[in-house]
Amino acid sequence: MCSLERFKIDLKALTAEVTALEWDLDKDFFDALGETDVKNGALHVSVSIRKASGFFELSFHVEGTVEVTCDRCLDLMAQPIEADNQMVVKLGDGYSEEDETIVVDENEGMLDTAWHIYEFIALAVPIKHVHAPGKCNLAMTQVLERLSADRSSDEDSSPAIDPRWEKLKELRK
């Protein structure tokens, strides 16, 4: 089981003007977060923290692949993703998230980035994800084609018109 403690950054302890951190994420990371849409992946996360007067600027770079369900055949597929995100963090009274700025309690000074990293990953996954042509589950593709053909043939065949309505149509002419 992955410990999410390593994703907590002690902002008050940062001494250098720029600090770099790196993590490799796998299935254990997603399991530790609980019920999430993305269940597995192999990702590399790097974060650069720039300490300025009164705030911290965090730049995240996420790169790798995640496992998602194919929209067409419902098999798991590897979806490559790459994302660059920025975050501004200030120390203040209590924790809050306002627009693009996160305020961390000054007494504590700890920023938990685990959920933010997950959100960056989830937002980088395309809305539509399907296998490359010819890579979908063949059995499922055949069933889908058969059902699509059945549905389209039902729509093409129009029901027989009652002869009385046919006579009324002639009156319009």
N, C-alpha and C. Protein backbone atom coordinates (compact mmCIF):
# COMPACT_ATOMS: atom_id res chain seq x y z
N MET A 1 0.84 -1.19 0.00
CA MET A 1 0.00 0.00 0.00
C MET A 1 0.88 1.24 0.00
N CYS A 2 0.53 2.17 -0.82
CA CYS A 2 1.28 3.41 -0.96
C CYS A 2 0.91 4.37 0.18
N SER A 3 1.91 4.98 0.76
CA SER A 3 1.66 5.99 1.78
C SER A 3 1.59 7.34 1.10
N LEU A 4 0.53 8.07 1.37
CA LEU A 4 0.35 9.38 0.77
C LEU A 4 1.12 10.47 1.52
N GLU A 5 1.79 10.08 2.59
CA GLU A 5 2.57 11.04 3.38
C GLU A 5 3.69 11.68 2.57
N ARG A 6 4.24 10.94 1.62
CA ARG A 6 5.36 11.47 0.84
C ARG A 6 4.94 12.60 -0.09
N PHE A 7 3.64 12.78 -0.28
CA PHE A 7 3.14 13.85 -1.13
C PHE A 7 2.84 15.12 -0.35
N LYS A 8 3.09 15.09 0.94
CA LYS A 8 2.90 16.29 1.77
C LYS A 8 4.19 17.10 1.76
N ILE A 9 4.06 18.38 1.48
CA ILE A 9 5.22 19.27 1.38
C ILE A 9 5.18 20.25 2.55
N ASP A 10 6.26 20.27 3.32
CA ASP A 10 6.38 21.22 4.43
C ASP A 10 6.91 22.54 3.85
N LEU A 11 6.02 23.45 3.61
CA LEU A 11 6.38 24.72 2.97
C LEU A 11 7.29 25.57 3.86
N LYS A 12 7.07 25.50 5.16
CA LYS A 12 7.86 26.31 6.08
C LYS A 12 9.31 25.83 6.15
N ALA A 13 9.56 24.58 5.80
CA ALA A 13 10.90 24.02 5.87
C ALA A 13 11.72 24.28 4.61
N LEU A 14 11.08 24.77 3.56
CA LEU A 14 11.81 25.01 2.31
C LEU A 14 12.78 26.16 2.50
N THR A 15 14.04 25.91 2.15
CA THR A 15 15.07 26.94 2.35
C THR A 15 15.57 27.50 1.03
N ALA A 16 15.68 26.66 0.04
CA ALA A 16 16.21 27.10 -1.26
C ALA A 16 15.15 27.91 -2.00
N GLU A 17 15.61 28.74 -2.91
CA GLU A 17 14.69 29.54 -3.71
C GLU A 17 13.87 28.64 -4.64
N VAL A 18 14.49 27.60 -5.18
CA VAL A 18 13.80 26.63 -6.02
C VAL A 18 14.09 25.23 -5.51
N THR A 19 13.01 24.45 -5.30
CA THR A 19 13.13 23.08 -4.83
C THR A 19 12.48 22.17 -5.85
N ALA A 20 13.12 21.05 -6.16
CA ALA A 20 12.57 20.09 -7.11
C ALA A 20 12.28 18.78 -6.40
N LEU A 21 11.09 18.21 -6.67
CA LEU A 21 10.69 16.92 -6.12
C LEU A 21 10.21 16.04 -7.27
N GLU A 22 10.39 14.72 -7.11
CA GLU A 22 9.95 13.78 -8.14
C GLU A 22 9.33 12.56 -7.49
N TRP A 23 8.29 12.02 -8.14
CA TRP A 23 7.63 10.82 -7.67
C TRP A 23 7.27 9.95 -8.87
N ASP A 24 7.30 8.64 -8.66
CA ASP A 24 6.80 7.69 -9.64
C ASP A 24 5.52 7.10 -9.07
N LEU A 25 4.45 7.12 -9.87
CA LEU A 25 3.14 6.66 -9.42
C LEU A 25 2.78 5.36 -10.12
N ASP A 26 2.08 4.50 -9.38
CA ASP A 26 1.60 3.24 -9.94
C ASP A 26 0.25 2.93 -9.34
N LYS A 27 -0.19 1.69 -9.45
CA LYS A 27 -1.50 1.26 -8.96
C LYS A 27 -1.68 1.56 -7.47
N ASP A 28 -0.62 1.43 -6.70
CA ASP A 28 -0.71 1.67 -5.25
C ASP A 28 -1.15 3.10 -4.95
N PHE A 29 -0.70 4.06 -5.72
CA PHE A 29 -1.10 5.46 -5.52
C PHE A 29 -2.61 5.61 -5.69
N PHE A 30 -3.16 5.04 -6.77
CA PHE A 30 -4.59 5.17 -7.03
C PHE A 30 -5.42 4.40 -6.00
N ASP A 31 -4.90 3.25 -5.55
CA ASP A 31 -5.59 2.48 -4.51
C ASP A 31 -5.63 3.26 -3.20
N ALA A 32 -4.55 3.95 -2.88
CA ALA A 32 -4.48 4.70 -1.63
C ALA A 32 -5.46 5.88 -1.63
N LEU A 33 -5.75 6.42 -2.79
CA LEU A 33 -6.70 7.54 -2.87
C LEU A 33 -8.13 7.08 -2.68
N GLY A 34 -8.41 5.82 -2.91
CA GLY A 34 -9.77 5.31 -2.76
C GLY A 34 -10.47 5.22 -4.10
N GLU A 35 -11.77 5.44 -4.07
CA GLU A 35 -12.59 5.31 -5.27
C GLU A 35 -12.32 6.45 -6.24
N THR A 36 -11.58 6.14 -7.30
CA THR A 36 -11.27 7.12 -8.33
C THR A 36 -11.59 6.54 -9.70
N ASP A 37 -11.75 7.41 -10.69
CA ASP A 37 -12.04 6.95 -12.05
C ASP A 37 -10.85 6.24 -12.67
N VAL A 38 -9.66 6.72 -12.41
CA VAL A 38 -8.44 6.09 -12.91
C VAL A 38 -7.97 5.10 -11.84
N LYS A 39 -7.80 3.85 -12.22
CA LYS A 39 -7.47 2.80 -11.25
C LYS A 39 -6.01 2.35 -11.29
N ASN A 40 -5.32 2.64 -12.40
CA ASN A 40 -3.96 2.13 -12.55
C ASN A 40 -3.20 3.04 -13.51
N GLY A 41 -1.88 2.99 -13.40
CA GLY A 41 -1.07 3.78 -14.31
C GLY A 41 0.40 3.67 -13.96
N ALA A 42 1.21 4.16 -14.85
CA ALA A 42 2.65 4.25 -14.63
C ALA A 42 3.03 5.68 -15.04
N LEU A 43 3.23 6.52 -14.04
CA LEU A 43 3.43 7.94 -14.29
C LEU A 43 4.64 8.46 -13.54
N HIS A 44 5.23 9.48 -14.11
CA HIS A 44 6.32 10.19 -13.44
C HIS A 44 5.86 11.63 -13.21
N VAL A 45 5.96 12.07 -11.96
CA VAL A 45 5.55 13.43 -11.60
C VAL A 45 6.77 14.18 -11.11
N SER A 46 6.99 15.35 -11.66
CA SER A 46 8.04 16.23 -11.16
C SER A 46 7.40 17.57 -10.81
N VAL A 47 7.85 18.12 -9.69
CA VAL A 47 7.32 19.41 -9.25
C VAL A 47 8.48 20.33 -8.93
N SER A 48 8.36 21.54 -9.38
CA SER A 48 9.35 22.57 -9.08
C SER A 48 8.67 23.61 -8.22
N ILE A 49 9.24 23.88 -7.04
CA ILE A 49 8.63 24.83 -6.11
C ILE A 49 9.53 26.06 -6.05
N ARG A 50 8.96 27.19 -6.46
CA ARG A 50 9.69 28.45 -6.40
C ARG A 50 9.17 29.25 -5.22
N LYS A 51 10.08 29.54 -4.30
CA LYS A 51 9.72 30.29 -3.10
C LYS A 51 9.91 31.78 -3.38
N ALA A 52 8.83 32.54 -3.25
CA ALA A 52 8.89 33.99 -3.45
C ALA A 52 8.43 34.66 -2.16
N SER A 53 8.46 35.95 -2.13
CA SER A 53 8.04 36.64 -0.92
C SER A 53 6.52 36.59 -0.80
N GLY A 54 6.03 35.87 0.19
CA GLY A 54 4.60 35.81 0.46
C GLY A 54 3.85 34.66 -0.21
N PHE A 55 4.48 33.96 -1.10
CA PHE A 55 3.78 32.84 -1.75
C PHE A 55 4.77 31.83 -2.31
N PHE A 56 4.24 30.68 -2.72
CA PHE A 56 5.01 29.61 -3.34
C PHE A 56 4.35 29.30 -4.68
N GLU A 57 5.16 29.16 -5.71
CA GLU A 57 4.65 28.80 -7.03
C GLU A 57 5.10 27.37 -7.34
N LEU A 58 4.13 26.48 -7.52
CA LEU A 58 4.42 25.08 -7.80
C LEU A 58 4.11 24.79 -9.26
N SER A 59 5.06 24.20 -9.96
CA SER A 59 4.88 23.80 -11.36
C SER A 59 4.98 22.29 -11.44
N PHE A 60 3.89 21.65 -11.85
CA PHE A 60 3.83 20.20 -11.94
C PHE A 60 3.96 19.76 -13.39
N HIS A 61 4.69 18.67 -13.60
CA HIS A 61 4.76 18.02 -14.91
C HIS A 61 4.47 16.54 -14.68
N VAL A 62 3.42 16.05 -15.34
CA VAL A 62 3.00 14.66 -15.22
C VAL A 62 3.11 14.02 -16.58
N GLU A 63 3.76 12.84 -16.63
CA GLU A 63 3.95 12.15 -17.90
C GLU A 63 3.90 10.65 -17.67
N GLY A 64 3.24 9.94 -18.57
CA GLY A 64 3.17 8.49 -18.47
C GLY A 64 1.90 7.96 -19.10
N THR A 65 1.45 6.80 -18.62
CA THR A 65 0.22 6.20 -19.13
C THR A 65 -0.67 5.80 -17.98
N VAL A 66 -1.98 5.86 -18.23
CA VAL A 66 -2.97 5.39 -17.27
C VAL A 66 -3.83 4.34 -17.95
N GLU A 67 -4.43 3.47 -17.15
CA GLU A 67 -5.35 2.47 -17.69
C GLU A 67 -6.77 2.99 -17.57
N VAL A 68 -7.46 3.05 -18.69
CA VAL A 68 -8.85 3.46 -18.73
C VAL A 68 -9.64 2.45 -19.54
N THR A 69 -10.96 2.52 -19.44
CA THR A 69 -11.82 1.61 -20.18
C THR A 69 -12.10 2.17 -21.56
N CYS A 70 -11.94 1.35 -22.57
CA CYS A 70 -12.23 1.75 -23.95
C CYS A 70 -13.73 2.00 -24.08
N ASP A 71 -14.10 3.12 -24.67
CA ASP A 71 -15.51 3.47 -24.83
C ASP A 71 -16.22 2.55 -25.82
N ARG A 72 -15.48 1.92 -26.71
CA ARG A 72 -16.09 1.09 -27.74
C ARG A 72 -16.24 -0.37 -27.30
N CYS A 73 -15.16 -0.99 -26.79
CA CYS A 73 -15.22 -2.43 -26.50
C CYS A 73 -15.21 -2.75 -25.00
N LEU A 74 -15.03 -1.75 -24.15
CA LEU A 74 -15.05 -1.87 -22.69
C LEU A 74 -13.85 -2.64 -22.12
N ASP A 75 -12.84 -2.92 -22.92
CA ASP A 75 -11.60 -3.51 -22.41
C ASP A 75 -10.71 -2.39 -21.87
N LEU A 76 -9.78 -2.75 -20.99
CA LEU A 76 -8.83 -1.76 -20.48
C LEU A 76 -7.84 -1.42 -21.58
N MET A 77 -7.42 -0.16 -21.59
CA MET A 77 -6.44 0.27 -22.57
C MET A 77 -5.48 1.27 -21.92
N ALA A 78 -4.28 1.32 -22.44
CA ALA A 78 -3.28 2.27 -21.95
C ALA A 78 -3.48 3.59 -22.67
N GLN A 79 -3.67 4.66 -21.90
CA GLN A 79 -3.86 5.99 -22.46
C GLN A 79 -2.68 6.86 -22.07
N PRO A 80 -1.85 7.25 -23.04
CA PRO A 80 -0.72 8.13 -22.69
C PRO A 80 -1.23 9.52 -22.34
N ILE A 81 -0.63 10.12 -21.32
CA ILE A 81 -0.99 11.48 -20.95
C ILE A 81 0.26 12.28 -20.63
N GLU A 82 0.13 13.57 -20.78
CA GLU A 82 1.18 14.50 -20.41
C GLU A 82 0.48 15.79 -20.01
N ALA A 83 0.87 16.34 -18.86
CA ALA A 83 0.21 17.55 -18.37
C ALA A 83 1.20 18.45 -17.65
N ASP A 84 1.00 19.73 -17.82
CA ASP A 84 1.76 20.75 -17.09
C ASP A 84 0.75 21.64 -16.39
N ASN A 85 0.90 21.76 -15.07
CA ASN A 85 -0.03 22.56 -14.28
C ASN A 85 0.73 23.42 -13.29
N GLN A 86 0.14 24.57 -12.96
CA GLN A 86 0.73 25.48 -11.98
C GLN A 86 -0.24 25.68 -10.82
N MET A 87 0.33 25.98 -9.68
CA MET A 87 -0.46 26.21 -8.49
C MET A 87 0.26 27.27 -7.66
N VAL A 88 -0.50 28.19 -7.08
CA VAL A 88 0.05 29.21 -6.20
C VAL A 88 -0.45 28.92 -4.80
N VAL A 89 0.48 28.90 -3.83
CA VAL A 89 0.14 28.58 -2.45
C VAL A 89 0.64 29.71 -1.56
N LYS A 90 -0.24 30.11 -0.64
CA LYS A 90 0.13 31.13 0.34
C LYS A 90 -0.09 30.57 1.73
N LEU A 91 0.64 31.10 2.68
CA LEU A 91 0.42 30.77 4.09
C LEU A 91 -0.54 31.79 4.67
N GLY A 92 -1.51 31.31 5.46
CA GLY A 92 -2.50 32.22 6.02
C GLY A 92 -3.25 31.58 7.17
N ASP A 93 -4.43 32.10 7.45
CA ASP A 93 -5.26 31.58 8.54
C ASP A 93 -6.17 30.48 8.00
N GLY A 94 -5.92 29.23 8.37
CA GLY A 94 -6.76 28.12 7.94
C GLY A 94 -6.50 27.73 6.49
N TYR A 95 -7.18 26.67 6.08
CA TYR A 95 -7.02 26.15 4.72
C TYR A 95 -8.18 26.64 3.86
N SER A 96 -7.88 27.09 2.66
CA SER A 96 -8.94 27.46 1.72
C SER A 96 -8.38 27.41 0.30
N GLU A 97 -9.31 27.25 -0.63
CA GLU A 97 -8.96 27.26 -2.05
C GLU A 97 -9.79 28.35 -2.71
N GLU A 98 -9.14 29.38 -3.18
CA GLU A 98 -9.81 30.50 -3.83
C GLU A 98 -9.25 30.66 -5.23
N ASP A 99 -10.09 30.48 -6.22
CA ASP A 99 -9.67 30.60 -7.62
C ASP A 99 -8.45 29.71 -7.87
N GLU A 100 -7.34 30.31 -8.22
CA GLU A 100 -6.12 29.57 -8.53
C GLU A 100 -5.15 29.55 -7.35
N THR A 101 -5.57 30.07 -6.21
CA THR A 101 -4.68 30.18 -5.06
C THR A 101 -5.16 29.29 -3.92
N ILE A 102 -4.22 28.58 -3.33
CA ILE A 102 -4.52 27.74 -2.16
C ILE A 102 -3.87 28.40 -0.95
N VAL A 103 -4.64 28.53 0.11
CA VAL A 103 -4.13 29.08 1.36
C VAL A 103 -3.98 27.94 2.35
N VAL A 104 -2.76 27.79 2.89
CA VAL A 104 -2.45 26.74 3.86
C VAL A 104 -2.29 27.39 5.22
N ASP A 105 -2.78 26.71 6.25
CA ASP A 105 -2.66 27.22 7.62
C ASP A 105 -1.20 27.49 7.95
N GLU A 106 -0.91 28.72 8.36
CA GLU A 106 0.46 29.14 8.63
C GLU A 106 1.08 28.36 9.78
N ASN A 107 0.27 27.97 10.77
CA ASN A 107 0.79 27.21 11.91
C ASN A 107 1.25 25.82 11.49
N GLU A 108 0.53 25.24 10.57
CA GLU A 108 0.88 23.89 10.10
C GLU A 108 1.91 23.94 8.98
N GLY A 109 1.63 24.68 7.93
CA GLY A 109 2.57 24.85 6.82
C GLY A 109 2.72 23.65 5.91
N MET A 110 1.80 22.68 6.00
CA MET A 110 1.89 21.46 5.18
C MET A 110 0.87 21.51 4.04
N LEU A 111 1.35 21.21 2.84
CA LEU A 111 0.48 21.13 1.67
C LEU A 111 0.44 19.69 1.19
N ASP A 112 -0.75 19.11 1.18
CA ASP A 112 -0.93 17.74 0.70
C ASP A 112 -1.23 17.81 -0.80
N THR A 113 -0.31 17.36 -1.62
CA THR A 113 -0.46 17.46 -3.08
C THR A 113 -1.05 16.21 -3.73
N ALA A 114 -1.30 15.15 -2.97
CA ALA A 114 -1.74 13.88 -3.55
C ALA A 114 -3.01 14.05 -4.38
N TRP A 115 -4.04 14.68 -3.80
CA TRP A 115 -5.30 14.81 -4.53
C TRP A 115 -5.16 15.77 -5.71
N HIS A 116 -4.35 16.81 -5.57
CA HIS A 116 -4.13 17.74 -6.67
C HIS A 116 -3.44 17.02 -7.84
N ILE A 117 -2.48 16.17 -7.53
CA ILE A 117 -1.80 15.40 -8.59
C ILE A 117 -2.81 14.50 -9.29
N TYR A 118 -3.68 13.84 -8.51
CA TYR A 118 -4.70 12.99 -9.13
C TYR A 118 -5.60 13.82 -10.05
N GLU A 119 -6.01 14.99 -9.61
CA GLU A 119 -6.87 15.83 -10.45
C GLU A 119 -6.17 16.23 -11.74
N PHE A 120 -4.88 16.53 -11.67
CA PHE A 120 -4.13 16.86 -12.89
C PHE A 120 -4.14 15.67 -13.85
N ILE A 121 -3.98 14.47 -13.31
CA ILE A 121 -3.98 13.26 -14.13
C ILE A 121 -5.35 13.04 -14.75
N ALA A 122 -6.40 13.13 -13.93
CA ALA A 122 -7.76 12.88 -14.41
C ALA A 122 -8.16 13.89 -15.48
N LEU A 123 -7.75 15.13 -15.33
CA LEU A 123 -8.10 16.15 -16.32
C LEU A 123 -7.30 15.99 -17.62
N ALA A 124 -6.19 15.29 -17.57
CA ALA A 124 -5.38 15.08 -18.77
C ALA A 124 -5.89 13.92 -19.62
N VAL A 125 -6.75 13.08 -19.05
CA VAL A 125 -7.31 11.95 -19.80
C VAL A 125 -8.36 12.51 -20.76
N PRO A 126 -8.26 12.18 -22.05
CA PRO A 126 -9.25 12.68 -23.02
C PRO A 126 -10.66 12.20 -22.68
N ILE A 127 -11.65 12.97 -23.08
CA ILE A 127 -13.04 12.61 -22.81
C ILE A 127 -13.39 11.30 -23.51
N LYS A 128 -12.98 11.18 -24.76
CA LYS A 128 -13.25 9.97 -25.53
C LYS A 128 -11.95 9.17 -25.61
N HIS A 129 -12.01 7.91 -25.15
CA HIS A 129 -10.81 7.07 -25.26
C HIS A 129 -11.20 5.72 -25.86
N VAL A 130 -10.62 5.48 -27.03
CA VAL A 130 -10.86 4.22 -27.75
C VAL A 130 -9.52 3.68 -28.24
N HIS A 131 -9.49 2.35 -28.41
CA HIS A 131 -8.30 1.71 -28.95
C HIS A 131 -8.01 2.22 -30.36
N ALA A 132 -6.78 2.03 -30.78
CA ALA A 132 -6.42 2.32 -32.16
C ALA A 132 -7.21 1.39 -33.07
N PRO A 133 -7.46 1.79 -34.32
CA PRO A 133 -8.24 0.94 -35.23
C PRO A 133 -7.66 -0.48 -35.30
N GLY A 134 -8.54 -1.46 -35.13
CA GLY A 134 -8.14 -2.86 -35.19
C GLY A 134 -7.66 -3.44 -33.88
N LYS A 135 -7.58 -2.64 -32.82
CA LYS A 135 -7.07 -3.12 -31.54
C LYS A 135 -8.17 -3.43 -30.53
N CYS A 136 -9.42 -3.09 -30.85
CA CYS A 136 -10.53 -3.36 -29.93
C CYS A 136 -10.79 -4.87 -29.86
N ASN A 137 -11.44 -5.28 -28.79
CA ASN A 137 -11.84 -6.66 -28.58
C ASN A 137 -12.72 -7.08 -29.75
N LEU A 138 -12.27 -8.10 -30.51
CA LEU A 138 -12.95 -8.51 -31.73
C LEU A 138 -14.37 -9.00 -31.47
N ALA A 139 -14.57 -9.80 -30.42
CA ALA A 139 -15.89 -10.33 -30.12
C ALA A 139 -16.87 -9.20 -29.81
N MET A 140 -16.44 -8.24 -29.02
CA MET A 140 -17.30 -7.11 -28.66
C MET A 140 -17.59 -6.25 -29.88
N THR A 141 -16.61 -6.06 -30.74
CA THR A 141 -16.80 -5.26 -31.96
C THR A 141 -17.82 -5.91 -32.87
N GLN A 142 -17.77 -7.23 -33.00
CA GLN A 142 -18.74 -7.94 -33.85
C GLN A 142 -20.15 -7.82 -33.30
N VAL A 143 -20.30 -7.95 -31.99
CA VAL A 143 -21.62 -7.80 -31.36
C VAL A 143 -22.14 -6.38 -31.57
N LEU A 144 -21.27 -5.40 -31.39
CA LEU A 144 -21.67 -4.00 -31.57
C LEU A 144 -22.11 -3.74 -33.00
N GLU A 145 -21.39 -4.27 -33.98
CA GLU A 145 -21.76 -4.09 -35.38
C GLU A 145 -23.09 -4.75 -35.69
N ARG A 146 -23.29 -5.96 -35.14
CA ARG A 146 -24.55 -6.67 -35.38
C ARG A 146 -25.72 -5.89 -34.78
N LEU A 147 -25.57 -5.41 -33.56
CA LEU A 147 -26.65 -4.66 -32.92
C LEU A 147 -26.89 -3.32 -33.62
N SER A 148 -25.86 -2.70 -34.10
CA SER A 148 -26.02 -1.44 -34.83
C SER A 148 -26.75 -1.69 -36.14
N ALA A 149 -26.44 -2.79 -36.81
CA ALA A 149 -27.12 -3.12 -38.07
C ALA A 149 -28.59 -3.42 -37.82
N ASP A 150 -28.89 -4.15 -36.72
CA ASP A 150 -30.29 -4.45 -36.38
C ASP A 150 -31.06 -3.17 -36.11
N ARG A 151 -30.44 -2.25 -35.39
CA ARG A 151 -31.11 -1.00 -35.03
C ARG A 151 -31.37 -0.16 -36.28
N SER A 152 -30.39 -0.07 -37.17
CA SER A 152 -30.57 0.77 -38.36
C SER A 152 -31.61 0.16 -39.31
N SER A 153 -31.71 -1.18 -39.38
CA SER A 153 -32.71 -1.79 -40.25
C SER A 153 -34.10 -1.57 -39.68
N ASP A 154 -34.25 -1.49 -38.36
CA ASP A 154 -35.54 -1.22 -37.75
C ASP A 154 -35.99 0.21 -38.07
N GLU A 155 -35.07 1.14 -38.10
CA GLU A 155 -35.40 2.53 -38.37
C GLU A 155 -35.75 2.74 -39.84
N ASP A 156 -35.13 1.97 -40.75
CA ASP A 156 -35.38 2.12 -42.17
C ASP A 156 -36.76 1.60 -42.57
N SER A 157 -37.19 0.55 -41.93
CA SER A 157 -38.48 -0.02 -42.30
C SER A 157 -39.58 0.79 -41.62
N SER A 158 -40.37 1.48 -42.42
CA SER A 158 -41.45 2.28 -41.85
C SER A 158 -42.70 1.40 -41.76
N PRO A 159 -43.50 1.61 -40.74
CA PRO A 159 -44.69 0.79 -40.60
C PRO A 159 -45.69 1.07 -41.72
N ALA A 160 -46.48 0.07 -42.04
CA ALA A 160 -47.48 0.22 -43.11
C ALA A 160 -48.50 1.27 -42.69
N ILE A 161 -48.90 2.10 -43.65
CA ILE A 161 -49.85 3.17 -43.37
C ILE A 161 -51.26 2.62 -43.54
N ASP A 162 -52.10 2.98 -42.61
CA ASP A 162 -53.51 2.58 -42.65
C ASP A 162 -54.12 3.13 -43.94
N PRO A 163 -54.86 2.29 -44.71
CA PRO A 163 -55.43 2.74 -45.99
C PRO A 163 -56.34 3.96 -45.84
N ARG A 164 -56.98 4.13 -44.70
CA ARG A 164 -57.86 5.30 -44.52
C ARG A 164 -57.04 6.59 -44.54
N TRP A 165 -55.84 6.56 -43.94
CA TRP A 165 -54.98 7.75 -43.95
C TRP A 165 -54.45 8.01 -45.35
N GLU A 166 -54.23 6.97 -46.08
CA GLU A 166 -53.76 7.09 -47.45
C GLU A 166 -54.80 7.87 -48.28
N LYS A 167 -56.07 7.56 -48.08
CA LYS A 167 -57.14 8.26 -48.80
C LYS A 167 -57.18 9.74 -48.41
N LEU A 168 -56.93 10.02 -47.13
CA LEU A 168 -56.93 11.42 -46.68
C LEU A 168 -55.77 12.19 -47.31
N LYS A 169 -54.65 11.54 -47.51
CA LYS A 169 -53.52 12.20 -48.14
C LYS A 169 -53.85 12.61 -49.58
N GLU A 170 -54.67 11.79 -50.23
CA GLU A 170 -55.07 12.10 -51.61
C GLU A 170 -55.92 13.36 -51.66
N LEU A 171 -56.71 13.63 -50.60
CA LEU A 171 -57.57 14.82 -50.57
C LEU A 171 -56.72 16.10 -50.55
N ARG A 172 -55.54 16.01 -49.96
CA ARG A 172 -54.67 17.18 -49.89
C ARG A 172 -54.19 17.61 -51.26
N LYS A 173 -54.08 16.67 -52.15
CA LYS A 173 -53.58 16.96 -53.50
C LYS A 173 -54.68 17.62 -54.25
